[in-house]
Amino acid sequence: MSTPLWLSALRPVGQCRLEPLMPGSAVLAWYATLEFTRWSPPLGASKLPWSITYGKTQIARDDGTWTVAEIELVRRLREAGWHAGWVDTFGSAPQAWTEWLVKPISLPLSLRASYEAITRAAGSTGGGTPDIIAWQGESLADAVFVEYKGPSDRVRPGQDVWFQGALRHGMSRDQFTVVKWPKMVGPRSARSAPRRV
């Protein structure tokens, strides 16, 4: 089976592959490996507080500033022509990140109805929903979903339940990927003052 073309927008390293979504799952999902460089504050600067980082690992951008993986993935999808956003299921992301977030209520009506139906059927209050939604049309068939996993993270049972529900609602496995950053590279210090996007 060939890799879905949209996955190239995420800039994976190596081949994307179909694997069980999690150990013991009957569902196959696309896995893509990415590389990021961990960002470090300039020498002598304090560690950034949780209120600014949301507890997320900071990664270095090419210009020496920092971002987080979820925002970088949204940025890449938007650069490739998708409407995209990170679904902040906890609702506490820093205000500076607003432009990178999407609330399900703001999705196109048909896509929103499908997303909400899948989430309801999964019995999820957000814990199993994918991190990122991207779309190029109005319906579920026009959307893709990205679940990001950092070096010490793994797919949880609620995510398996959500994805199985999405398949029952007509989503193709080619519309979903787990993006994995398997190991940290770096750190790289900022060349200038930190920026929060």
Protein backbone atom coordinates (compact mmCIF):
# COMPACT_ATOMS: atom_id res chain seq x y z
CA MET A 1 0.00 0.00 0.00
CA SER A 2 1.35 3.44 -0.89
CA THR A 3 1.84 6.21 1.65
CA PRO A 4 -0.88 8.90 1.55
CA LEU A 5 0.50 11.97 -0.23
CA TRP A 6 -0.58 14.41 2.49
CA LEU A 7 1.91 12.89 4.93
CA SER A 8 4.78 14.51 3.02
CA ALA A 9 3.59 17.91 4.35
CA LEU A 10 4.69 16.78 7.83
CA ARG A 11 8.26 16.23 6.54
CA PRO A 12 8.82 12.72 7.88
CA VAL A 13 12.29 11.22 7.95
CA GLY A 14 12.39 7.78 6.40
CA GLN A 15 9.43 5.80 5.15
CA CYS A 16 6.00 6.07 6.73
CA ARG A 17 4.67 2.66 7.69
CA LEU A 18 1.42 0.93 8.58
CA GLU A 19 1.51 -0.59 12.06
CA PRO A 20 -1.02 -1.57 14.70
CA LEU A 21 -2.19 1.65 16.34
CA MET A 22 -1.02 0.26 19.67
CA PRO A 23 0.06 -3.18 20.92
CA GLY A 24 -2.88 -5.55 20.70
CA SER A 25 -4.94 -3.28 18.43
CA ALA A 26 -6.57 -4.76 15.34
CA VAL A 27 -6.43 -1.33 13.68
CA LEU A 28 -3.54 -0.38 11.43
CA ALA A 29 -2.48 3.25 11.32
CA TRP A 30 0.18 5.20 9.48
CA TYR A 31 3.24 6.03 11.57
CA ALA A 32 5.59 8.83 10.55
CA THR A 33 8.90 9.60 12.26
CA LEU A 34 10.03 13.21 12.60
CA GLU A 35 13.19 14.82 13.88
CA PHE A 36 13.23 17.96 15.98
CA THR A 37 16.03 19.65 17.87
CA ARG A 38 15.32 20.42 21.48
CA TRP A 39 15.54 24.15 22.28
CA SER A 40 17.39 25.45 25.32
CA PRO A 41 17.21 28.95 26.75
CA PRO A 42 20.27 31.15 26.23
CA LEU A 43 23.05 30.67 28.76
CA GLY A 44 22.16 32.37 32.01
CA ALA A 45 18.45 32.62 31.18
CA SER A 46 15.87 30.99 33.39
CA LYS A 47 13.85 27.99 32.32
CA LEU A 48 10.56 29.10 30.78
CA PRO A 49 7.57 28.72 33.13
CA TRP A 50 4.69 26.30 32.56
CA SER A 51 2.34 29.24 31.90
CA ILE A 52 4.35 29.97 28.74
CA THR A 53 5.28 26.42 27.64
CA TYR A 54 2.09 24.58 28.73
CA GLY A 55 4.46 21.89 29.98
CA LYS A 56 5.45 21.06 26.40
CA THR A 57 9.00 20.34 25.29
CA GLN A 58 10.34 23.29 23.34
CA ILE A 59 11.84 22.58 19.94
CA ALA A 60 14.19 24.84 17.99
CA ARG A 61 13.10 26.56 14.82
CA ASP A 62 15.62 27.34 12.08
CA ASP A 63 15.83 30.97 13.25
CA GLY A 64 16.83 29.98 16.81
CA THR A 65 13.46 30.71 18.39
CA TRP A 66 11.33 28.05 19.99
CA THR A 67 8.00 26.42 19.35
CA VAL A 68 6.34 23.12 20.30
CA ALA A 69 5.83 20.12 18.05
CA GLU A 70 2.04 20.47 17.77
CA ILE A 71 2.34 24.06 16.56
CA GLU A 72 5.13 23.14 14.15
CA LEU A 73 2.96 20.38 12.66
CA VAL A 74 0.04 22.80 12.23
CA ARG A 75 2.43 25.27 10.57
CA ARG A 76 3.64 22.61 8.13
CA LEU A 77 0.12 21.57 7.19
CA ARG A 78 -0.92 25.19 6.63
CA GLU A 79 2.14 25.76 4.44
CA ALA A 80 0.96 22.80 2.34
CA GLY A 81 -2.46 24.42 1.80
CA TRP A 82 -4.54 22.85 4.57
CA HIS A 83 -6.75 24.59 7.10
CA ALA A 84 -5.33 23.13 10.30
CA GLY A 85 -5.33 23.54 14.04
CA TRP A 86 -4.31 21.91 17.28
CA VAL A 87 -7.29 20.83 19.39
CA ASP A 88 -6.51 21.95 22.94
CA THR A 89 -8.66 19.42 24.78
CA PHE A 90 -7.64 20.83 28.17
CA GLY A 91 -8.52 24.41 27.22
CA SER A 92 -5.54 26.01 28.97
CA ALA A 93 -3.05 26.68 26.16
CA PRO A 94 -1.21 30.00 26.40
CA GLN A 95 -3.04 32.92 24.80
CA ALA A 96 -0.06 33.48 22.47
CA TRP A 97 -0.90 30.16 20.78
CA THR A 98 -4.50 31.05 19.86
CA GLU A 99 -3.78 31.36 16.14
CA TRP A 100 -2.58 27.74 16.06
CA LEU A 101 -5.59 26.25 17.87
CA VAL A 102 -8.92 25.06 16.51
CA LYS A 103 -12.12 24.48 18.46
CA PRO A 104 -14.42 21.77 17.08
CA ILE A 105 -17.26 24.30 16.98
CA SER A 106 -15.31 26.27 14.35
CA LEU A 107 -14.96 23.32 11.94
CA PRO A 108 -17.07 23.21 8.76
CA LEU A 109 -20.57 22.03 9.73
CA SER A 110 -20.45 18.55 8.18
CA LEU A 111 -16.94 17.84 9.48
CA ARG A 112 -17.89 19.15 12.92
CA ALA A 113 -20.95 16.88 13.04
CA SER A 114 -18.82 13.83 12.17
CA TYR A 115 -16.07 14.76 14.62
CA GLU A 116 -18.55 15.26 17.45
CA ALA A 117 -20.40 12.02 16.62
CA ILE A 118 -17.15 10.03 16.65
CA THR A 119 -16.09 11.62 19.94
CA ARG A 120 -19.50 10.96 21.54
CA ALA A 121 -19.54 7.35 20.34
CA ALA A 122 -16.04 6.85 21.74
CA GLY A 123 -17.28 8.07 25.10
CA SER A 124 -14.48 10.57 25.10
CA THR A 125 -14.40 13.99 26.67
CA GLY A 126 -11.32 14.78 24.62
CA GLY A 127 -8.79 12.31 25.98
CA GLY A 128 -8.87 10.11 22.89
CA THR A 129 -9.24 12.73 20.19
CA PRO A 130 -6.31 13.40 17.84
CA ASP A 131 -4.11 16.43 18.52
CA ILE A 132 -4.45 18.05 15.10
CA ILE A 133 -7.24 18.36 12.57
CA ALA A 134 -6.58 19.55 9.01
CA TRP A 135 -9.12 19.91 6.22
CA GLN A 136 -9.49 21.06 2.64
CA GLY A 137 -13.25 20.81 2.31
CA GLU A 138 -16.44 20.53 4.32
CA SER A 139 -16.78 16.85 5.25
CA LEU A 140 -15.01 14.06 7.10
CA ALA A 141 -13.71 12.78 3.75
CA ASP A 142 -11.86 16.10 3.30
CA ALA A 143 -10.05 15.93 6.66
CA VAL A 144 -6.92 14.35 8.10
CA PHE A 145 -6.00 13.77 11.73
CA VAL A 146 -2.58 13.77 13.40
CA GLU A 147 -1.70 12.35 16.79
CA TYR A 148 1.69 13.57 18.00
CA LYS A 149 3.82 11.44 20.33
CA GLY A 150 7.04 12.70 21.86
CA PRO A 151 10.04 10.61 22.93
CA SER A 152 8.43 9.18 26.09
CA ASP A 153 4.80 9.11 24.90
CA ARG A 154 2.68 6.32 23.44
CA VAL A 155 -0.81 5.79 22.03
CA ARG A 156 -3.39 5.28 24.78
CA PRO A 157 -6.45 3.00 24.72
CA GLY A 158 -8.84 5.97 24.39
CA GLN A 159 -7.09 6.97 21.18
CA ASP A 160 -7.51 3.46 19.79
CA VAL A 161 -11.22 3.64 20.65
CA TRP A 162 -11.57 7.06 18.94
CA PHE A 163 -9.81 5.87 15.77
CA GLN A 164 -11.93 2.70 15.59
CA GLY A 165 -15.04 4.88 15.90
CA ALA A 166 -13.77 7.16 13.13
CA LEU A 167 -13.33 4.15 10.84
CA ARG A 168 -16.92 3.07 11.58
CA HIS A 169 -18.07 6.60 10.64
CA GLY A 170 -16.43 6.26 7.23
CA MET A 171 -12.97 7.68 7.77
CA SER A 172 -10.15 5.91 5.93
CA ARG A 173 -6.99 4.86 7.73
CA ASP A 174 -5.20 7.00 5.11
CA GLN A 175 -6.67 10.06 6.87
CA PHE A 176 -4.91 9.43 10.17
CA THR A 177 -1.30 9.29 11.30
CA VAL A 178 0.66 8.94 14.48
CA VAL A 179 3.69 11.22 14.28
CA LYS A 180 6.53 10.10 16.50
CA TRP A 181 9.60 11.98 17.64
CA PRO A 182 11.55 8.98 18.93
CA LYS A 183 14.55 10.71 20.47
CA MET A 184 15.66 14.17 21.34
CA VAL A 185 18.37 15.82 19.30
CA GLY A 186 20.11 18.81 20.77
CA PRO A 187 19.79 20.95 22.75
CA ARG A 188 20.37 24.08 20.72
CA SER A 189 20.48 27.41 22.49
CA ALA A 190 18.68 30.45 21.17
CA ARG A 191 20.70 33.04 19.34
CA SER A 192 18.36 35.77 20.49
CA ALA A 193 15.57 36.34 22.96
CA PRO A 194 12.98 33.51 23.08
CA ARG A 195 9.80 33.81 21.10
CA ARG A 196 6.65 31.85 21.97
CA VAL A 197 5.29 30.51 18.68
